Amino acid sequence: MVNHWEGNGTFNAGEHLNPEFAGSSHSAASTFTIENQGYATTVTFFTNVAFRSFAVRFIVSIMIDGKQIAEKAIFVHHVASAGRAPNDGGN
């Protein structure tokens, strides 16, 4: 998740993945300060999430200072494993 923030002040940002399909998954809070009507960008990765279904839309709630300010839809698809890594011929 990439979020771009504009304004002035110190904020705590975080994301919550819709628990209906993926269990409870929350990002760690990110604290950042924006000065002089500047901007900041936060990048969040969800790791080790066990999705209960695929090819559906999941909702990520965008939080700032503990309040939901937006929702973003993400789409999760299962990509089948290609099997073993190719043999490089011993090189």
Protein backbone atom coordinates (compact mmCIF):
# COMPACT_ATOMS: atom_id res chain seq x y z
CA MET A 1 0.00 0.00 0.00
CA VAL A 2 1.41 3.39 -0.93
CA ASN A 3 -0.19 6.52 0.51
CA HIS A 4 0.73 10.12 -0.20
CA TRP A 5 -0.07 12.63 2.54
CA GLU A 6 -0.20 16.44 2.44
CA GLY A 7 -0.71 18.93 5.24
CA ASN A 8 0.96 20.01 8.45
CA GLY A 9 1.44 18.15 11.75
CA THR A 10 2.44 14.82 13.28
CA PHE A 11 0.33 11.79 12.37
CA ASN A 12 0.01 8.05 13.03
CA ALA A 13 -0.97 6.13 9.93
CA GLY A 14 -1.88 2.49 9.49
CA GLU A 15 -3.85 0.05 7.37
CA HIS A 16 -6.29 -2.73 8.25
CA LEU A 17 -7.12 -5.56 5.86
CA ASN A 18 -10.78 -6.62 5.79
CA PRO A 19 -10.95 -9.49 8.31
CA GLU A 20 -13.97 -11.14 6.64
CA PHE A 21 -11.77 -12.89 4.10
CA ALA A 22 -8.23 -12.67 5.43
CA GLY A 23 -8.38 -12.89 9.20
CA SER A 24 -7.24 -9.99 11.30
CA SER A 25 -4.32 -8.22 9.65
CA HIS A 26 -3.10 -4.78 10.70
CA SER A 27 -0.04 -2.88 9.67
CA ALA A 28 2.30 -1.44 12.27
CA ALA A 29 1.58 2.22 12.91
CA SER A 30 3.82 4.69 11.10
CA THR A 31 4.43 8.03 12.79
CA PHE A 32 5.50 10.88 10.55
CA THR A 33 5.65 14.67 10.64
CA ILE A 34 4.78 17.04 7.82
CA GLU A 35 6.05 20.60 8.10
CA ASN A 36 5.17 23.79 6.23
CA GLN A 37 2.31 22.31 4.20
CA GLY A 38 4.71 19.68 2.85
CA TYR A 39 4.11 16.05 2.01
CA ALA A 40 5.02 12.52 3.05
CA THR A 41 4.67 9.08 1.52
CA THR A 42 4.12 5.88 3.49
CA VAL A 43 4.66 2.38 2.09
CA THR A 44 3.10 -0.63 3.81
CA PHE A 45 3.57 -4.33 3.08
CA PHE A 46 1.25 -7.03 4.39
CA THR A 47 3.24 -10.23 4.87
CA ASN A 48 2.28 -13.72 5.99
CA VAL A 49 -1.41 -13.14 5.28
CA ALA A 50 -3.41 -16.32 4.74
CA PHE A 51 -6.23 -15.41 2.36
CA ARG A 52 -9.27 -17.66 2.70
CA SER A 53 -10.39 -17.08 -0.89
CA PHE A 54 -8.95 -15.76 -4.13
CA ALA A 55 -10.07 -13.79 -7.17
CA VAL A 56 -12.16 -11.54 -4.96
CA ARG A 57 -11.93 -7.94 -3.89
CA PHE A 58 -10.51 -7.19 -0.44
CA ILE A 59 -10.94 -3.86 1.30
CA VAL A 60 -8.05 -2.12 3.05
CA SER A 61 -9.05 0.60 5.51
CA ILE A 62 -6.65 3.54 5.60
CA MET A 63 -6.33 4.94 9.12
CA ILE A 64 -4.90 8.22 10.38
CA ASP A 65 -4.68 8.89 14.12
CA GLY A 66 -6.98 5.92 14.77
CA LYS A 67 -9.77 7.10 12.45
CA GLN A 68 -10.68 5.53 9.13
CA ILE A 69 -10.29 8.12 6.40
CA ALA A 70 -10.48 6.00 3.26
CA GLU A 71 -10.89 2.51 1.84
CA LYS A 72 -9.02 0.98 -1.08
CA ALA A 73 -9.93 -2.17 -2.95
CA ILE A 74 -7.20 -4.69 -3.70
CA PHE A 75 -7.57 -7.82 -5.78
CA VAL A 76 -5.87 -11.05 -4.76
CA HIS A 77 -5.18 -13.82 -7.25
CA HIS A 78 -3.57 -17.18 -6.68
CA VAL A 79 -0.57 -17.79 -8.92
CA ALA A 80 0.26 -21.46 -9.25
CA SER A 81 3.81 -22.48 -8.53
CA ALA A 82 5.94 -23.15 -11.59
CA GLY A 83 7.54 -26.09 -9.78
CA ARG A 84 11.25 -26.45 -9.22
CA ALA A 85 13.71 -23.77 -10.20
CA PRO A 86 15.30 -24.37 -13.60
CA ASN A 87 18.57 -26.28 -13.60
CA ASP A 88 21.42 -24.03 -14.67
CA GLY A 89 23.46 -26.99 -15.93
CA GLY A 90 25.92 -26.81 -13.04
CA ASN A 91 27.34 -23.43 -14.05
